[in-house]
Every structure is written in C-alpha cells, then in structure tokens.
Amino acid sequence: MITWTDTAKEELENYFNRIRPGLEASGADASEVIEDIRRHIEQEAAAAHLTVLTSSDVNQLLAKIGAPQPEPPQTPTQPATSSASEDKPPPIAPGG
C-alpha cells in the first residue's frame, strides 16, 4: 500500500481543481476523467515501487502519464471597435 503525504494529496487535489473547468467546458465527464487520472497515478506509483508518495512524485507522475494541462486563466476580451482609420485603405507608397 502506498502512503500519500498530505502535500501530495493537496497537490493532486489542486491539480484536479485547475483542470476541472476545462474538462467540463469540453463536455467530458470531469469526475470520470479525474478518477481515471487518480487510478493511473496510483498504478504508476505502485509500478515504481513507491511506498510514500510526495508532491514531487505526483508532479513527476502527472508529467509521465501525460495528464491534461490546466487551461490558462481567460482574460476578458475587449469588444472590437472600429475607427475611421480602419475603414481607409492603407496609403500607397510613393513611386508605387
């Protein structure tokens, strides 16, 4: 049996909290994907014969299994505004 340190548990839960919105937005069943990742981490840790799983181990295993990366925070987009200069064609260079 593998013992998870408190920081390892926190690291994995924080990771899940970061990827959940992107999973839900994609239409995936976020809970199912998260449980699959959790199982995969446990399987990889067992295969590596780890007895204690640290936050560093969690990060290494997430990278190894190619787990989804959290979406970067979205910044509100500015509405497109047109100005009179956008309606004009570009100037023609002399001699052109």
N, C-alpha and C. Protein backbone atom coordinates (compact mmCIF):
# COMPACT_ATOMS: atom_id res chain seq x y z
N MET A 1 0.84 -1.18 0.00
CA MET A 1 0.00 0.00 0.00
C MET A 1 0.89 1.25 0.00
N ILE A 2 0.44 2.25 -0.73
CA ILE A 2 1.20 3.49 -0.85
C ILE A 2 0.65 4.52 0.12
N THR A 3 1.54 5.15 0.85
CA THR A 3 1.15 6.23 1.76
C THR A 3 1.34 7.56 1.05
N TRP A 4 0.28 8.35 1.02
CA TRP A 4 0.34 9.67 0.41
C TRP A 4 0.65 10.70 1.49
N THR A 5 1.64 11.56 1.24
CA THR A 5 1.87 12.66 2.18
C THR A 5 0.72 13.66 2.03
N ASP A 6 0.52 14.47 3.05
CA ASP A 6 -0.53 15.48 2.97
C ASP A 6 -0.30 16.43 1.80
N THR A 7 0.97 16.79 1.57
CA THR A 7 1.25 17.71 0.46
C THR A 7 1.00 17.05 -0.89
N ALA A 8 1.21 15.74 -0.99
CA ALA A 8 0.92 15.02 -2.23
C ALA A 8 -0.58 15.03 -2.50
N LYS A 9 -1.36 14.78 -1.45
CA LYS A 9 -2.83 14.82 -1.60
C LYS A 9 -3.28 16.21 -2.03
N GLU A 10 -2.72 17.24 -1.38
CA GLU A 10 -3.09 18.62 -1.72
C GLU A 10 -2.70 18.95 -3.15
N GLU A 11 -1.51 18.53 -3.55
CA GLU A 11 -1.02 18.80 -4.91
C GLU A 11 -1.96 18.20 -5.95
N LEU A 12 -2.37 16.95 -5.73
CA LEU A 12 -3.25 16.29 -6.69
C LEU A 12 -4.63 16.95 -6.70
N GLU A 13 -5.16 17.27 -5.54
CA GLU A 13 -6.47 17.93 -5.49
C GLU A 13 -6.43 19.31 -6.13
N ASN A 14 -5.34 20.05 -5.90
CA ASN A 14 -5.19 21.36 -6.54
C ASN A 14 -5.13 21.21 -8.05
N TYR A 15 -4.41 20.20 -8.51
CA TYR A 15 -4.33 19.91 -9.94
C TYR A 15 -5.73 19.63 -10.50
N PHE A 16 -6.48 18.78 -9.80
CA PHE A 16 -7.83 18.45 -10.27
C PHE A 16 -8.72 19.69 -10.30
N ASN A 17 -8.58 20.55 -9.30
CA ASN A 17 -9.37 21.79 -9.28
C ASN A 17 -9.02 22.70 -10.45
N ARG A 18 -7.75 22.66 -10.88
CA ARG A 18 -7.34 23.50 -12.01
C ARG A 18 -7.82 22.95 -13.34
N ILE A 19 -7.88 21.61 -13.50
CA ILE A 19 -8.28 21.06 -14.80
C ILE A 19 -9.79 20.87 -14.94
N ARG A 20 -10.51 20.81 -13.81
CA ARG A 20 -11.95 20.54 -13.87
C ARG A 20 -12.70 21.50 -14.79
N PRO A 21 -12.50 22.83 -14.71
CA PRO A 21 -13.26 23.73 -15.59
C PRO A 21 -13.04 23.44 -17.08
N GLY A 22 -11.81 23.15 -17.46
CA GLY A 22 -11.52 22.84 -18.86
C GLY A 22 -12.18 21.54 -19.30
N LEU A 23 -12.18 20.55 -18.41
CA LEU A 23 -12.83 19.28 -18.73
C LEU A 23 -14.33 19.47 -18.91
N GLU A 24 -14.93 20.21 -17.99
CA GLU A 24 -16.37 20.45 -18.07
C GLU A 24 -16.71 21.25 -19.32
N ALA A 25 -15.88 22.23 -19.66
CA ALA A 25 -16.13 23.05 -20.84
C ALA A 25 -16.03 22.23 -22.12
N SER A 26 -15.21 21.18 -22.09
CA SER A 26 -15.04 20.34 -23.28
C SER A 26 -16.18 19.33 -23.44
N GLY A 27 -17.02 19.22 -22.42
CA GLY A 27 -18.12 18.27 -22.48
C GLY A 27 -17.77 16.91 -21.89
N ALA A 28 -16.54 16.76 -21.42
CA ALA A 28 -16.12 15.49 -20.82
C ALA A 28 -16.75 15.34 -19.44
N ASP A 29 -16.87 14.10 -19.00
CA ASP A 29 -17.33 13.83 -17.64
C ASP A 29 -16.13 14.05 -16.72
N ALA A 30 -16.04 15.24 -16.14
CA ALA A 30 -14.87 15.64 -15.35
C ALA A 30 -14.60 14.65 -14.22
N SER A 31 -15.63 14.21 -13.53
CA SER A 31 -15.44 13.29 -12.40
C SER A 31 -14.83 11.97 -12.86
N GLU A 32 -15.28 11.48 -14.01
CA GLU A 32 -14.75 10.23 -14.54
C GLU A 32 -13.28 10.38 -14.95
N VAL A 33 -12.97 11.48 -15.64
CA VAL A 33 -11.59 11.72 -16.06
C VAL A 33 -10.68 11.84 -14.84
N ILE A 34 -11.13 12.57 -13.84
CA ILE A 34 -10.33 12.76 -12.63
C ILE A 34 -10.08 11.43 -11.92
N GLU A 35 -11.10 10.60 -11.83
CA GLU A 35 -10.91 9.29 -11.19
C GLU A 35 -9.97 8.41 -12.01
N ASP A 36 -10.05 8.50 -13.35
CA ASP A 36 -9.12 7.75 -14.20
C ASP A 36 -7.69 8.19 -13.96
N ILE A 37 -7.48 9.51 -13.86
CA ILE A 37 -6.13 10.03 -13.61
C ILE A 37 -5.64 9.57 -12.24
N ARG A 38 -6.52 9.64 -11.24
CA ARG A 38 -6.14 9.21 -9.89
C ARG A 38 -5.71 7.73 -9.90
N ARG A 39 -6.49 6.88 -10.57
CA ARG A 39 -6.14 5.46 -10.65
C ARG A 39 -4.80 5.26 -11.37
N HIS A 40 -4.63 6.02 -12.44
CA HIS A 40 -3.40 5.89 -13.21
C HIS A 40 -2.18 6.30 -12.38
N ILE A 41 -2.32 7.37 -11.61
CA ILE A 41 -1.23 7.81 -10.72
C ILE A 41 -0.91 6.70 -9.72
N GLU A 42 -1.93 6.11 -9.13
CA GLU A 42 -1.72 5.03 -8.15
C GLU A 42 -1.04 3.82 -8.79
N GLN A 43 -1.45 3.48 -10.02
CA GLN A 43 -0.84 2.35 -10.72
C GLN A 43 0.63 2.62 -11.04
N GLU A 44 0.91 3.84 -11.50
CA GLU A 44 2.30 4.20 -11.82
C GLU A 44 3.16 4.21 -10.56
N ALA A 45 2.61 4.71 -9.46
CA ALA A 45 3.36 4.74 -8.20
C ALA A 45 3.66 3.31 -7.73
N ALA A 46 2.69 2.42 -7.87
CA ALA A 46 2.90 1.03 -7.48
C ALA A 46 3.94 0.37 -8.39
N ALA A 47 3.87 0.65 -9.68
CA ALA A 47 4.83 0.08 -10.63
C ALA A 47 6.25 0.57 -10.34
N ALA A 48 6.36 1.79 -9.80
CA ALA A 48 7.67 2.35 -9.45
C ALA A 48 8.11 1.91 -8.06
N HIS A 49 7.31 1.08 -7.41
CA HIS A 49 7.60 0.56 -6.07
C HIS A 49 7.75 1.67 -5.04
N LEU A 50 6.95 2.72 -5.19
CA LEU A 50 6.98 3.81 -4.21
C LEU A 50 6.15 3.39 -3.00
N THR A 51 6.66 3.63 -1.82
CA THR A 51 5.89 3.34 -0.61
C THR A 51 5.30 4.61 -0.02
N VAL A 52 5.98 5.73 -0.28
CA VAL A 52 5.48 7.04 0.16
C VAL A 52 5.44 7.93 -1.07
N LEU A 53 4.29 8.54 -1.32
CA LEU A 53 4.11 9.41 -2.48
C LEU A 53 4.15 10.86 -2.03
N THR A 54 5.10 11.62 -2.58
CA THR A 54 5.26 13.03 -2.22
C THR A 54 4.67 13.92 -3.32
N SER A 55 4.60 15.22 -3.05
CA SER A 55 4.08 16.15 -4.07
C SER A 55 4.98 16.14 -5.30
N SER A 56 6.27 15.99 -5.10
CA SER A 56 7.20 15.90 -6.23
C SER A 56 6.90 14.66 -7.08
N ASP A 57 6.62 13.54 -6.40
CA ASP A 57 6.25 12.32 -7.11
C ASP A 57 4.98 12.53 -7.92
N VAL A 58 4.01 13.21 -7.33
CA VAL A 58 2.74 13.47 -8.02
C VAL A 58 3.01 14.25 -9.31
N ASN A 59 3.81 15.30 -9.22
CA ASN A 59 4.10 16.11 -10.40
C ASN A 59 4.84 15.30 -11.46
N GLN A 60 5.79 14.48 -11.03
CA GLN A 60 6.53 13.65 -11.99
C GLN A 60 5.61 12.63 -12.65
N LEU A 61 4.72 12.03 -11.88
CA LEU A 61 3.81 11.03 -12.45
C LEU A 61 2.79 11.67 -13.37
N LEU A 62 2.31 12.86 -13.03
CA LEU A 62 1.39 13.57 -13.93
C LEU A 62 2.07 13.86 -15.27
N ALA A 63 3.33 14.27 -15.21
CA ALA A 63 4.08 14.54 -16.44
C ALA A 63 4.29 13.25 -17.23
N LYS A 64 4.59 12.17 -16.52
CA LYS A 64 4.86 10.89 -17.17
C LYS A 64 3.63 10.35 -17.90
N ILE A 65 2.48 10.45 -17.27
CA ILE A 65 1.28 9.88 -17.89
C ILE A 65 0.67 10.82 -18.92
N GLY A 66 1.20 12.03 -19.01
CA GLY A 66 0.66 12.97 -20.00
C GLY A 66 -0.71 13.47 -19.62
N ALA A 67 -0.92 13.70 -18.35
CA ALA A 67 -2.22 14.19 -17.88
C ALA A 67 -2.51 15.55 -18.50
N PRO A 68 -3.80 15.88 -18.66
CA PRO A 68 -4.15 17.17 -19.26
C PRO A 68 -3.61 18.34 -18.45
N GLN A 69 -3.21 19.36 -19.16
CA GLN A 69 -2.71 20.57 -18.51
C GLN A 69 -3.86 21.51 -18.23
N PRO A 70 -3.81 22.20 -17.12
CA PRO A 70 -4.87 23.17 -16.82
C PRO A 70 -4.92 24.26 -17.88
N GLU A 71 -6.13 24.73 -18.15
CA GLU A 71 -6.31 25.84 -19.08
C GLU A 71 -5.78 27.10 -18.44
N PRO A 72 -5.09 27.95 -19.22
CA PRO A 72 -4.66 29.23 -18.64
C PRO A 72 -5.87 30.08 -18.33
N PRO A 73 -5.77 30.93 -17.33
CA PRO A 73 -6.92 31.78 -16.99
C PRO A 73 -7.28 32.65 -18.18
N GLN A 74 -8.56 32.76 -18.42
CA GLN A 74 -9.04 33.57 -19.54
C GLN A 74 -9.18 35.01 -19.10
N THR A 75 -8.69 35.90 -19.93
CA THR A 75 -8.88 37.32 -19.65
C THR A 75 -10.02 37.80 -20.52
N PRO A 76 -10.84 38.70 -19.99
CA PRO A 76 -11.95 39.19 -20.80
C PRO A 76 -11.42 39.85 -22.06
N THR A 77 -12.08 39.56 -23.16
CA THR A 77 -11.64 40.15 -24.42
C THR A 77 -12.32 41.50 -24.61
N GLN A 78 -11.60 42.40 -25.20
CA GLN A 78 -12.14 43.72 -25.47
C GLN A 78 -13.04 43.61 -26.70
N PRO A 79 -14.20 44.25 -26.69
CA PRO A 79 -15.03 44.22 -27.89
C PRO A 79 -14.32 44.96 -29.01
N ALA A 80 -14.48 44.43 -30.21
CA ALA A 80 -13.84 45.07 -31.36
C ALA A 80 -14.49 46.41 -31.62
N THR A 81 -13.68 47.41 -31.74
CA THR A 81 -14.19 48.74 -32.05
C THR A 81 -13.59 49.15 -33.37
N SER A 82 -14.38 49.79 -34.17
CA SER A 82 -13.84 50.26 -35.43
C SER A 82 -13.63 51.76 -35.33
N SER A 83 -12.59 52.19 -35.97
CA SER A 83 -12.33 53.61 -36.01
C SER A 83 -12.28 54.03 -37.46
N ALA A 84 -12.34 55.30 -37.69
CA ALA A 84 -12.35 55.80 -39.06
C ALA A 84 -11.10 55.36 -39.80
N SER A 85 -9.97 55.25 -39.10
CA SER A 85 -8.72 54.88 -39.77
C SER A 85 -8.76 53.43 -40.25
N GLU A 86 -9.56 52.57 -39.60
CA GLU A 86 -9.64 51.18 -40.03
C GLU A 86 -10.44 51.05 -41.32
N ASP A 87 -11.28 52.02 -41.63
CA ASP A 87 -12.11 51.96 -42.81
C ASP A 87 -11.37 52.45 -44.05
N LYS A 88 -10.23 53.10 -43.89
CA LYS A 88 -9.48 53.65 -45.01
C LYS A 88 -8.49 52.61 -45.52
N PRO A 89 -8.25 52.60 -46.83
CA PRO A 89 -7.21 51.71 -47.35
C PRO A 89 -5.84 52.22 -46.92
N PRO A 90 -4.84 51.35 -46.88
CA PRO A 90 -3.51 51.80 -46.49
C PRO A 90 -2.96 52.78 -47.51
N PRO A 91 -2.10 53.69 -47.07
CA PRO A 91 -1.55 54.66 -48.03
C PRO A 91 -0.65 53.97 -49.05
N ILE A 92 -0.61 54.53 -50.23
CA ILE A 92 0.24 53.99 -51.29
C ILE A 92 1.59 54.67 -51.20
N ALA A 93 2.63 53.85 -51.23
CA ALA A 93 3.98 54.39 -51.13
C ALA A 93 4.32 55.16 -52.40
N PRO A 94 5.09 56.23 -52.26
CA PRO A 94 5.49 57.00 -53.45
C PRO A 94 6.23 56.11 -54.44
N GLY A 95 5.92 56.29 -55.68
CA GLY A 95 6.56 55.51 -56.73
C GLY A 95 5.97 54.12 -56.87
N GLY A 96 4.88 53.85 -56.17
CA GLY A 96 4.34 52.51 -56.20
C GLY A 96 3.05 52.46 -56.81
